[in-house]
Amino acid sequence: MSKVLITYYTHTGNTKVMAEIISANHASNPIPLKGRFPHDKPTLLSHIQMMLKNAHLDRSGPGRTPIYL
């Protein structure tokens, strides 16, 4: 699971757009992500870092409910 989160973190960190809505909130994703770039980029990166650091993911679910739900 951490490989997926590291990939999310890398792609989110490397995304450079002026105005874009990112939505990766399908039920099959290990963590639902949704935000506006570049405004929400730091929040998304922080959320992914927290999940990696604290190992909040488990096999029974995708993790905590995102703030926007």
Protein backbone atom coordinates (compact mmCIF):
# COMPACT_ATOMS: atom_id res chain seq x y z
CA MET A 1 0.00 0.00 0.00
CA SER A 2 2.81 2.41 0.75
CA LYS A 3 4.05 2.14 -2.86
CA VAL A 4 0.67 3.47 -4.02
CA LEU A 5 0.83 6.35 -1.53
CA ILE A 6 4.39 7.19 -2.55
CA THR A 7 3.23 7.25 -6.18
CA TYR A 8 0.30 9.54 -5.25
CA TYR A 9 2.70 11.81 -3.36
CA THR A 10 5.18 11.94 -6.24
CA HIS A 11 2.54 12.67 -8.87
CA THR A 12 0.81 15.27 -6.70
CA GLY A 13 4.11 16.96 -5.87
CA ASN A 14 5.19 17.05 -9.50
CA THR A 15 1.89 18.38 -10.83
CA LYS A 16 2.32 21.96 -11.98
CA VAL A 17 -0.85 23.50 -13.34
CA MET A 18 -2.36 26.96 -13.01
CA ALA A 19 -5.97 25.92 -12.46
CA GLU A 20 -7.13 22.33 -12.33
CA ILE A 21 -9.53 20.17 -10.36
CA ILE A 22 -8.01 16.84 -9.33
CA SER A 23 -10.40 14.06 -8.46
CA ALA A 24 -9.17 10.61 -7.50
CA ASN A 25 -11.96 9.75 -5.13
CA HIS A 26 -13.24 6.48 -6.54
CA ALA A 27 -14.03 3.78 -3.97
CA SER A 28 -11.20 1.62 -5.31
CA ASN A 29 -8.54 4.22 -4.44
CA PRO A 30 -6.71 3.56 -1.17
CA ILE A 31 -7.24 7.18 -0.15
CA PRO A 32 -9.76 9.44 -1.81
CA LEU A 33 -8.21 12.66 -3.07
CA LYS A 34 -9.96 15.70 -4.42
CA GLY A 35 -8.81 19.27 -4.67
CA ARG A 36 -8.15 22.38 -6.70
CA PHE A 37 -4.64 23.01 -7.96
CA PRO A 38 -2.54 24.86 -7.03
CA HIS A 39 -4.61 25.98 -4.01
CA ASP A 40 -5.14 22.55 -2.39
CA LYS A 41 -1.79 21.00 -3.35
CA PRO A 42 -0.15 21.53 0.09
CA THR A 43 -3.19 20.05 1.83
CA LEU A 44 -3.24 17.00 -0.42
CA LEU A 45 0.50 16.43 0.07
CA SER A 46 0.10 16.80 3.83
CA HIS A 47 -2.77 14.31 3.87
CA ILE A 48 -0.73 11.74 1.92
CA GLN A 49 2.31 12.29 4.16
CA MET A 50 0.18 11.79 7.27
CA MET A 51 -1.19 8.52 5.89
CA LEU A 52 2.33 7.29 5.10
CA LYS A 53 3.75 8.35 8.46
CA ASN A 54 0.96 7.04 10.66
CA ALA A 55 0.02 3.95 8.63
CA HIS A 56 -3.72 4.69 8.90
CA LEU A 57 -4.55 2.41 6.02
CA ASP A 58 -5.61 -1.14 6.61
CA ARG A 59 -7.05 -3.97 4.57
CA SER A 60 -10.63 -3.34 5.71
CA GLY A 61 -11.09 0.07 4.12
CA PRO A 62 -9.64 2.96 2.18
CA GLY A 63 -8.68 5.01 5.23
CA ARG A 64 -10.31 7.97 6.90
CA THR A 65 -13.13 9.89 5.28
CA PRO A 66 -11.80 12.92 3.39
CA ILE A 67 -12.57 16.38 4.69
CA TYR A 68 -14.86 17.28 1.76
CA LEU A 69 -17.33 14.43 2.42
